[in-house]
Amino acid sequence: MAMCAYSEVLGLLAAAPTPAGILTFRLSPGVQNDTRRLLGKHKDGSTTPEEESELDRIGDLEHILIALKARARQQLDQVSEQ
């Protein structure tokens, strides 16, 4: 699952998106559903070590997406101020 999420983000970046495109990007519903399922298992303490590792990788990717979106927001704000 984490590899699918990374692949989706790499696809976004390879397309040279506009700042607006970055802001509207969302991981696919399949990745979102798998992440919710793993988070539920984590919450009730039933994840395997492999699933915990998957959640860690998804968390790392989420931090990257947050940083990308923050940068895109700054770029759009600078353009609107001009």
PDB file of N, CA and C in Angstrom:
ATOM      1  N   MET A   1       0.819  -1.191   0.000  1.00  0.00           N
ATOM      2  CA  MET A   1       0.000   0.000   0.000  1.00  0.00           C
ATOM      3  C   MET A   1       0.861   1.252   0.000  1.00  0.00           C
ATOM      4  N   ALA A   2       1.888   1.296   0.831  1.00  0.00           N
ATOM      5  CA  ALA A   2       2.739   2.490   0.860  1.00  0.00           C
ATOM      6  C   ALA A   2       3.377   2.710  -0.502  1.00  0.00           C
ATOM      7  N   MET A   3       3.735   1.628  -1.177  1.00  0.00           N
ATOM      8  CA  MET A   3       4.331   1.775  -2.500  1.00  0.00           C
ATOM      9  C   MET A   3       3.332   2.374  -3.482  1.00  0.00           C
ATOM     10  N   CYS A   4       2.064   2.008  -3.374  1.00  0.00           N
ATOM     11  CA  CYS A   4       1.033   2.599  -4.233  1.00  0.00           C
ATOM     12  C   CYS A   4       0.920   4.087  -3.952  1.00  0.00           C
ATOM     13  N   ALA A   5       0.946   4.452  -2.682  1.00  0.00           N
ATOM     14  CA  ALA A   5       0.843   5.864  -2.312  1.00  0.00           C
ATOM     15  C   ALA A   5       2.044   6.639  -2.849  1.00  0.00           C
ATOM     16  N   TYR A   6       3.239   6.095  -2.682  1.00  0.00           N
ATOM     17  CA  TYR A   6       4.432   6.765  -3.203  1.00  0.00           C
ATOM     18  C   TYR A   6       4.357   6.891  -4.719  1.00  0.00           C
ATOM     19  N   SER A   7       3.878   5.843  -5.381  1.00  0.00           N
ATOM     20  CA  SER A   7       3.743   5.870  -6.827  1.00  0.00           C
ATOM     21  C   SER A   7       2.783   6.973  -7.269  1.00  0.00           C
ATOM     22  N   GLU A   8       1.690   7.145  -6.548  1.00  0.00           N
ATOM     23  CA  GLU A   8       0.734   8.198  -6.879  1.00  0.00           C
ATOM     24  C   GLU A   8       1.358   9.583  -6.721  1.00  0.00           C
ATOM     25  N   VAL A   9       2.126   9.781  -5.666  1.00  0.00           N
ATOM     26  CA  VAL A   9       2.776  11.079  -5.449  1.00  0.00           C
ATOM     27  C   VAL A   9       3.849  11.310  -6.512  1.00  0.00           C
ATOM     28  N   LEU A  10       4.610  10.288  -6.839  1.00  0.00           N
ATOM     29  CA  LEU A  10       5.612  10.431  -7.897  1.00  0.00           C
ATOM     30  C   LEU A  10       4.950  10.762  -9.229  1.00  0.00           C
ATOM     31  N   GLY A  11       3.799  10.151  -9.499  1.00  0.00           N
ATOM     32  CA  GLY A  11       3.056  10.473 -10.714  1.00  0.00           C
ATOM     33  C   GLY A  11       2.641  11.924 -10.746  1.00  0.00           C
ATOM     34  N   LEU A  12       2.204  12.424  -9.606  1.00  0.00           N
ATOM     35  CA  LEU A  12       1.835  13.841  -9.497  1.00  0.00           C
ATOM     36  C   LEU A  12       3.038  14.713  -9.824  1.00  0.00           C
ATOM     37  N   LEU A  13       4.157  14.450  -9.185  1.00  0.00           N
ATOM     38  CA  LEU A  13       5.342  15.282  -9.376  1.00  0.00           C
ATOM     39  C   LEU A  13       5.893  15.172 -10.793  1.00  0.00           C
ATOM     40  N   ALA A  14       5.828  13.993 -11.384  1.00  0.00           N
ATOM     41  CA  ALA A  14       6.323  13.807 -12.744  1.00  0.00           C
ATOM     42  C   ALA A  14       5.502  14.598 -13.760  1.00  0.00           C
ATOM     43  N   ALA A  15       4.253  14.898 -13.404  1.00  0.00           N
ATOM     44  CA  ALA A  15       3.383  15.659 -14.302  1.00  0.00           C
ATOM     45  C   ALA A  15       3.632  17.159 -14.214  1.00  0.00           C
ATOM     46  N   ALA A  16       4.603  17.572 -13.404  1.00  0.00           N
ATOM     47  CA  ALA A  16       4.921  18.995 -13.219  1.00  0.00           C
ATOM     48  C   ALA A  16       3.659  19.806 -12.931  1.00  0.00           C
ATOM     49  N   PRO A  17       3.018  19.509 -11.808  1.00  0.00           N
ATOM     50  CA  PRO A  17       1.740  20.157 -11.512  1.00  0.00           C
ATOM     51  C   PRO A  17       1.901  21.633 -11.177  1.00  0.00           C
ATOM     52  N   THR A  18       0.839  22.360 -11.369  1.00  0.00           N
ATOM     53  CA  THR A  18       0.782  23.751 -10.919  1.00  0.00           C
ATOM     54  C   THR A  18       0.600  23.738  -9.405  1.00  0.00           C
ATOM     55  N   PRO A  19       0.831  24.873  -8.739  1.00  0.00           N
ATOM     56  CA  PRO A  19       0.541  24.927  -7.302  1.00  0.00           C
ATOM     57  C   PRO A  19      -0.910  24.537  -6.994  1.00  0.00           C
ATOM     58  N   ALA A  20      -1.836  24.977  -7.829  1.00  0.00           N
ATOM     59  CA  ALA A  20      -3.241  24.611  -7.612  1.00  0.00           C
ATOM     60  C   ALA A  20      -3.445  23.107  -7.747  1.00  0.00           C
ATOM     61  N   GLY A  21      -2.735  22.487  -8.682  1.00  0.00           N
ATOM     62  CA  GLY A  21      -2.827  21.041  -8.851  1.00  0.00           C
ATOM     63  C   GLY A  21      -2.305  20.292  -7.637  1.00  0.00           C
ATOM     64  N   ILE A  22      -1.254  20.805  -7.045  1.00  0.00           N
ATOM     65  CA  ILE A  22      -0.718  20.187  -5.829  1.00  0.00           C
ATOM     66  C   ILE A  22      -1.734  20.303  -4.694  1.00  0.00           C
ATOM     67  N   LEU A  23      -2.352  21.465  -4.571  1.00  0.00           N
ATOM     68  CA  LEU A  23      -3.305  21.673  -3.484  1.00  0.00           C
ATOM     69  C   LEU A  23      -4.539  20.778  -3.607  1.00  0.00           C
ATOM     70  N   THR A  24      -4.933  20.439  -4.828  1.00  0.00           N
ATOM     71  CA  THR A  24      -6.127  19.613  -4.997  1.00  0.00           C
ATOM     72  C   THR A  24      -5.818  18.121  -5.019  1.00  0.00           C
ATOM     73  N   PHE A  25      -4.533  17.755  -5.007  1.00  0.00           N
ATOM     74  CA  PHE A  25      -4.152  16.341  -5.065  1.00  0.00           C
ATOM     75  C   PHE A  25      -4.640  15.596  -3.825  1.00  0.00           C
ATOM     76  N   ARG A  26      -5.186  14.423  -4.061  1.00  0.00           N
ATOM     77  CA  ARG A  26      -5.575  13.501  -2.994  1.00  0.00           C
ATOM     78  C   ARG A  26      -5.136  12.101  -3.405  1.00  0.00           C
ATOM     79  N   LEU A  27      -4.719  11.333  -2.443  1.00  0.00           N
ATOM     80  CA  LEU A  27      -4.413   9.934  -2.724  1.00  0.00           C
ATOM     81  C   LEU A  27      -5.697   9.236  -3.154  1.00  0.00           C
ATOM     82  N   SER A  28      -5.554   8.171  -3.909  1.00  0.00           N
ATOM     83  CA  SER A  28      -6.719   7.462  -4.434  1.00  0.00           C
ATOM     84  C   SER A  28      -7.586   6.919  -3.297  1.00  0.00           C
ATOM     85  N   PRO A  29      -8.879   6.730  -3.591  1.00  0.00           N
ATOM     86  CA  PRO A  29      -9.761   6.154  -2.566  1.00  0.00           C
ATOM     87  C   PRO A  29      -9.261   4.808  -2.044  1.00  0.00           C
ATOM     88  N   GLY A  30      -8.652   3.998  -2.906  1.00  0.00           N
ATOM     89  CA  GLY A  30      -8.132   2.707  -2.451  1.00  0.00           C
ATOM     90  C   GLY A  30      -7.050   2.860  -1.405  1.00  0.00           C
ATOM     91  N   VAL A  31      -6.116   3.770  -1.643  1.00  0.00           N
ATOM     92  CA  VAL A  31      -5.045   4.017  -0.673  1.00  0.00           C
ATOM     93  C   VAL A  31      -5.639   4.603   0.602  1.00  0.00           C
ATOM     94  N   GLN A  32      -6.577   5.514   0.466  1.00  0.00           N
ATOM     95  CA  GLN A  32      -7.214   6.103   1.648  1.00  0.00           C
ATOM     96  C   GLN A  32      -7.937   5.042   2.474  1.00  0.00           C
ATOM     97  N   ASN A  33      -8.659   4.142   1.806  1.00  0.00           N
ATOM     98  CA  ASN A  33      -9.372   3.077   2.523  1.00  0.00           C
ATOM     99  C   ASN A  33      -8.405   2.135   3.220  1.00  0.00           C
ATOM    100  N   ASP A  34      -7.327   1.758   2.531  1.00  0.00           N
ATOM    101  CA  ASP A  34      -6.332   0.874   3.150  1.00  0.00           C
ATOM    102  C   ASP A  34      -5.690   1.538   4.362  1.00  0.00           C
ATOM    103  N   THR A  35      -5.430   2.834   4.253  1.00  0.00           N
ATOM    104  CA  THR A  35      -4.825   3.566   5.373  1.00  0.00           C
ATOM    105  C   THR A  35      -5.784   3.609   6.555  1.00  0.00           C
ATOM    106  N   ARG A  36      -7.054   3.891   6.284  1.00  0.00           N
ATOM    107  CA  ARG A  36      -8.050   3.896   7.374  1.00  0.00           C
ATOM    108  C   ARG A  36      -8.148   2.529   8.049  1.00  0.00           C
ATOM    109  N   ARG A  37      -8.093   1.474   7.237  1.00  0.00           N
ATOM    110  CA  ARG A  37      -8.159   0.117   7.792  1.00  0.00           C
ATOM    111  C   ARG A  37      -6.970  -0.141   8.712  1.00  0.00           C
ATOM    112  N   LEU A  38      -5.767   0.242   8.256  1.00  0.00           N
ATOM    113  CA  LEU A  38      -4.582   0.044   9.088  1.00  0.00           C
ATOM    114  C   LEU A  38      -4.630   0.905  10.342  1.00  0.00           C
ATOM    115  N   LEU A  39      -5.128   2.112  10.223  1.00  0.00           N
ATOM    116  CA  LEU A  39      -5.241   2.970  11.410  1.00  0.00           C
ATOM    117  C   LEU A  39      -6.212   2.376  12.423  1.00  0.00           C
ATOM    118  N   GLY A  40      -7.292   1.783  11.936  1.00  0.00           N
ATOM    119  CA  GLY A  40      -8.235   1.114  12.834  1.00  0.00           C
ATOM    120  C   GLY A  40      -7.590  -0.051  13.555  1.00  0.00           C
ATOM    121  N   LYS A  41      -6.816  -0.843  12.809  1.00  0.00           N
ATOM    122  CA  LYS A  41      -6.113  -1.964  13.436  1.00  0.00           C
ATOM    123  C   LYS A  41      -5.083  -1.467  14.446  1.00  0.00           C
ATOM    124  N   HIS A  42      -4.416  -0.366  14.096  1.00  0.00           N
ATOM    125  CA  HIS A  42      -3.430   0.208  15.016  1.00  0.00           C
ATOM    126  C   HIS A  42      -4.113   0.663  16.305  1.00  0.00           C
ATOM    127  N   LYS A  43      -5.254   1.293  16.139  1.00  0.00           N
ATOM    128  CA  LYS A  43      -5.980   1.811  17.304  1.00  0.00           C
ATOM    129  C   LYS A  43      -6.390   0.688  18.254  1.00  0.00           C
ATOM    130  N   ASP A  44      -6.780  -0.457  17.694  1.00  0.00           N
ATOM    131  CA  ASP A  44      -7.185  -1.557  18.587  1.00  0.00           C
ATOM    132  C   ASP A  44      -6.032  -2.511  18.906  1.00  0.00           C
ATOM    133  N   GLY A  45      -4.819  -2.149  18.465  1.00  0.00           N
ATOM    134  CA  GLY A  45      -3.630  -2.906  18.850  1.00  0.00           C
ATOM    135  C   GLY A  45      -3.431  -4.212  18.120  1.00  0.00           C
ATOM    136  N   SER A  46      -4.032  -4.369  16.937  1.00  0.00           N
ATOM    137  CA  SER A  46      -3.936  -5.654  16.243  1.00  0.00           C
ATOM    138  C   SER A  46      -3.072  -5.620  14.986  1.00  0.00           C
ATOM    139  N   THR A  47      -2.238  -4.593  14.837  1.00  0.00           N
ATOM    140  CA  THR A  47      -1.375  -4.538  13.660  1.00  0.00           C
ATOM    141  C   THR A  47      -0.156  -5.437  13.830  1.00  0.00           C
ATOM    142  N   THR A  48       0.302  -5.937  12.702  1.00  0.00           N
ATOM    143  CA  THR A  48       1.542  -6.714  12.682  1.00  0.00           C
ATOM    144  C   THR A  48       2.710  -5.733  12.570  1.00  0.00           C
ATOM    145  N   PRO A  49       3.926  -6.179  12.814  1.00  0.00           N
ATOM    146  CA  PRO A  49       5.081  -5.297  12.619  1.00  0.00           C
ATOM    147  C   PRO A  49       5.163  -4.750  11.186  1.00  0.00           C
ATOM    148  N   GLU A  50       4.806  -5.577  10.205  1.00  0.00           N
ATOM    149  CA  GLU A  50       4.823  -5.119   8.813  1.00  0.00           C
ATOM    150  C   GLU A  50       3.796  -4.003   8.593  1.00  0.00           C
ATOM    151  N   GLU A  51       2.626  -4.147   9.199  1.00  0.00           N
ATOM    152  CA  GLU A  51       1.595  -3.114   9.062  1.00  0.00           C
ATOM    153  C   GLU A  51       2.012  -1.823   9.758  1.00  0.00           C
ATOM    154  N   GLU A  52       2.691  -1.945  10.889  1.00  0.00           N
ATOM    155  CA  GLU A  52       3.201  -0.755  11.575  1.00  0.00           C
ATOM    156  C   GLU A  52       4.220  -0.032  10.699  1.00  0.00           C
ATOM    157  N   SER A  53       5.059  -0.816  10.023  1.00  0.00           N
ATOM    158  CA  SER A  53       6.033  -0.231   9.117  1.00  0.00           C
ATOM    159  C   SER A  53       5.330   0.494   7.970  1.00  0.00           C
ATOM    160  N   GLU A  54       4.270  -0.104   7.432  1.00  0.00           N
ATOM    161  CA  GLU A  54       3.471   0.533   6.378  1.00  0.00           C
ATOM    162  C   GLU A  54       2.916   1.871   6.876  1.00  0.00           C
ATOM    163  N   LEU A  55       2.383   1.876   8.077  1.00  0.00           N
ATOM    164  CA  LEU A  55       1.833   3.111   8.633  1.00  0.00           C
ATOM    165  C   LEU A  55       2.920   4.169   8.798  1.00  0.00           C
ATOM    166  N   ASP A  56       4.097   3.764   9.203  1.00  0.00           N
ATOM    167  CA  ASP A  56       5.209   4.713   9.325  1.00  0.00           C
ATOM    168  C   ASP A  56       5.546   5.336   7.982  1.00  0.00           C
ATOM    169  N   ARG A  57       5.597   4.505   6.939  1.00  0.00           N
ATOM    170  CA  ARG A  57       5.915   5.025   5.592  1.00  0.00           C
ATOM    171  C   ARG A  57       4.820   5.956   5.090  1.00  0.00           C
ATOM    172  N   ILE A  58       3.568   5.594   5.354  1.00  0.00           N
ATOM    173  CA  ILE A  58       2.449   6.463   4.951  1.00  0.00           C
ATOM    174  C   ILE A  58       2.535   7.782   5.720  1.00  0.00           C
ATOM    175  N   GLY A  59       2.887   7.729   6.991  1.00  0.00           N
ATOM    176  CA  GLY A  59       3.049   8.950   7.788  1.00  0.00           C
ATOM    177  C   GLY A  59       4.150   9.836   7.235  1.00  0.00           C
ATOM    178  N   ASP A  60       5.260   9.225   6.838  1.00  0.00           N
ATOM    179  CA  ASP A  60       6.354  10.001   6.234  1.00  0.00           C
ATOM    180  C   ASP A  60       5.888  10.675   4.951  1.00  0.00           C
ATOM    181  N   LEU A  61       5.153   9.940   4.140  1.00  0.00           N
ATOM    182  CA  LEU A  61       4.647  10.505   2.890  1.00  0.00           C
ATOM    183  C   LEU A  61       3.662  11.639   3.165  1.00  0.00           C
ATOM    184  N   GLU A  62       2.850  11.476   4.176  1.00  0.00           N
ATOM    185  CA  GLU A  62       1.897  12.532   4.541  1.00  0.00           C
ATOM    186  C   GLU A  62       2.630  13.819   4.920  1.00  0.00           C
ATOM    187  N   HIS A  63       3.735  13.695   5.627  1.00  0.00           N
ATOM    188  CA  HIS A  63       4.530  14.880   5.979  1.00  0.00           C
ATOM    189  C   HIS A  63       5.080  15.565   4.726  1.00  0.00           C
ATOM    190  N   ILE A  64       5.515  14.764   3.768  1.00  0.00           N
ATOM    191  CA  ILE A  64       5.999  15.329   2.511  1.00  0.00           C
ATOM    192  C   ILE A  64       4.872  16.059   1.789  1.00  0.00           C
ATOM    193  N   LEU A  65       3.706  15.451   1.738  1.00  0.00           N
ATOM    194  CA  LEU A  65       2.562  16.104   1.073  1.00  0.00           C
ATOM    195  C   LEU A  65       2.170  17.405   1.767  1.00  0.00           C
ATOM    196  N   ILE A  66       2.213  17.420   3.072  1.00  0.00           N
ATOM    197  CA  ILE A  66       1.903  18.647   3.810  1.00  0.00           C
ATOM    198  C   ILE A  66       2.890  19.745   3.443  1.00  0.00           C
ATOM    199  N   ALA A  67       4.177  19.396   3.376  1.00  0.00           N
ATOM    200  CA  ALA A  67       5.193  20.386   3.016  1.00  0.00           C
ATOM    201  C   ALA A  67       5.001  20.868   1.576  1.00  0.00           C
ATOM    202  N   LEU A  68       4.701  19.956   0.651  1.00  0.00           N
ATOM    203  CA  LEU A  68       4.451  20.351  -0.738  1.00  0.00           C
ATOM    204  C   LEU A  68       3.256  21.298  -0.838  1.00  0.00           C
ATOM    205  N   LYS A  69       2.206  20.976  -0.117  1.00  0.00           N
ATOM    206  CA  LYS A  69       1.000  21.809  -0.172  1.00  0.00           C
ATOM    207  C   LYS A  69       1.235  23.164   0.482  1.00  0.00           C
ATOM    208  N   ALA A  70       2.025  23.197   1.536  1.00  0.00           N
ATOM    209  CA  ALA A  70       2.343  24.484   2.174  1.00  0.00           C
ATOM    210  C   ALA A  70       3.135  25.359   1.208  1.00  0.00           C
ATOM    211  N   ARG A  71       4.097  24.769   0.511  1.00  0.00           N
ATOM    212  CA  ARG A  71       4.889  25.521  -0.464  1.00  0.00           C
ATOM    213  C   ARG A  71       3.998  26.006  -1.612  1.00  0.00           C
ATOM    214  N   ALA A  72       3.102  25.151  -2.085  1.00  0.00           N
ATOM    215  CA  ALA A  72       2.191  25.538  -3.169  1.00  0.00           C
ATOM    216  C   ALA A  72       1.288  26.680  -2.724  1.00  0.00           C
ATOM    217  N   ARG A  73       0.814  26.627  -1.484  1.00  0.00           N
ATOM    218  CA  ARG A  73      -0.038  27.696  -0.952  1.00  0.00           C
ATOM    219  C   ARG A  73       0.740  29.006  -0.906  1.00  0.00           C
ATOM    220  N   GLN A  74       1.993  28.963  -0.472  1.00  0.00           N
ATOM    221  CA  GLN A  74       2.829  30.169  -0.448  1.00  0.00           C
ATOM    222  C   GLN A  74       2.996  30.751  -1.842  1.00  0.00           C
ATOM    223  N   GLN A  75       3.228  29.885  -2.807  1.00  0.00           N
ATOM    224  CA  GLN A  75       3.396  30.357  -4.182  1.00  0.00           C
ATOM    225  C   GLN A  75       2.123  31.035  -4.684  1.00  0.00           C
ATOM    226  N   LEU A  76       0.984  30.456  -4.422  1.00  0.00           N
ATOM    227  CA  LEU A  76      -0.277  31.056  -4.852  1.00  0.00           C
ATOM    228  C   LEU A  76      -0.532  32.380  -4.133  1.00  0.00           C
ATOM    229  N   ASP A  77      -0.195  32.434  -2.859  1.00  0.00           N
ATOM    230  CA  ASP A  77      -0.371  33.668  -2.099  1.00  0.00           C
ATOM    231  C   ASP A  77       0.518  34.778  -2.639  1.00  0.00           C
ATOM    232  N   GLN A  78       1.748  34.434  -3.021  1.00  0.00           N
ATOM    233  CA  GLN A  78       2.674  35.442  -3.570  1.00  0.00           C
ATOM    234  C   GLN A  78       2.152  35.974  -4.900  1.00  0.00           C
ATOM    235  N   VAL A  79       1.608  35.118  -5.717  1.00  0.00           N
ATOM    236  CA  VAL A  79       1.068  35.548  -7.005  1.00  0.00           C
ATOM    237  C   VAL A  79      -0.135  36.458  -6.805  1.00  0.00           C
ATOM    238  N   SER A  80      -0.976  36.136  -5.848  1.00  0.00           N
ATOM    239  CA  SER A  80      -2.185  36.946  -5.633  1.00  0.00           C
ATOM    240  C   SER A  80      -1.845  38.302  -5.011  1.00  0.00           C
ATOM    241  N   GLU A  81      -0.694  38.428  -4.345  1.00  0.00           N
ATOM    242  CA  GLU A  81      -0.288  39.700  -3.756  1.00  0.00           C
ATOM    243  C   GLU A  81       0.295  40.656  -4.795  1.00  0.00           C
ATOM    244  N   GLN A  82       0.666  40.145  -5.936  1.00  0.00           N
ATOM    245  CA  GLN A  82       1.322  40.984  -6.952  1.00  0.00           C
ATOM    246  C   GLN A  82       0.318  41.752  -7.764  1.00  0.00           C
TER     247      GLN A  82
END
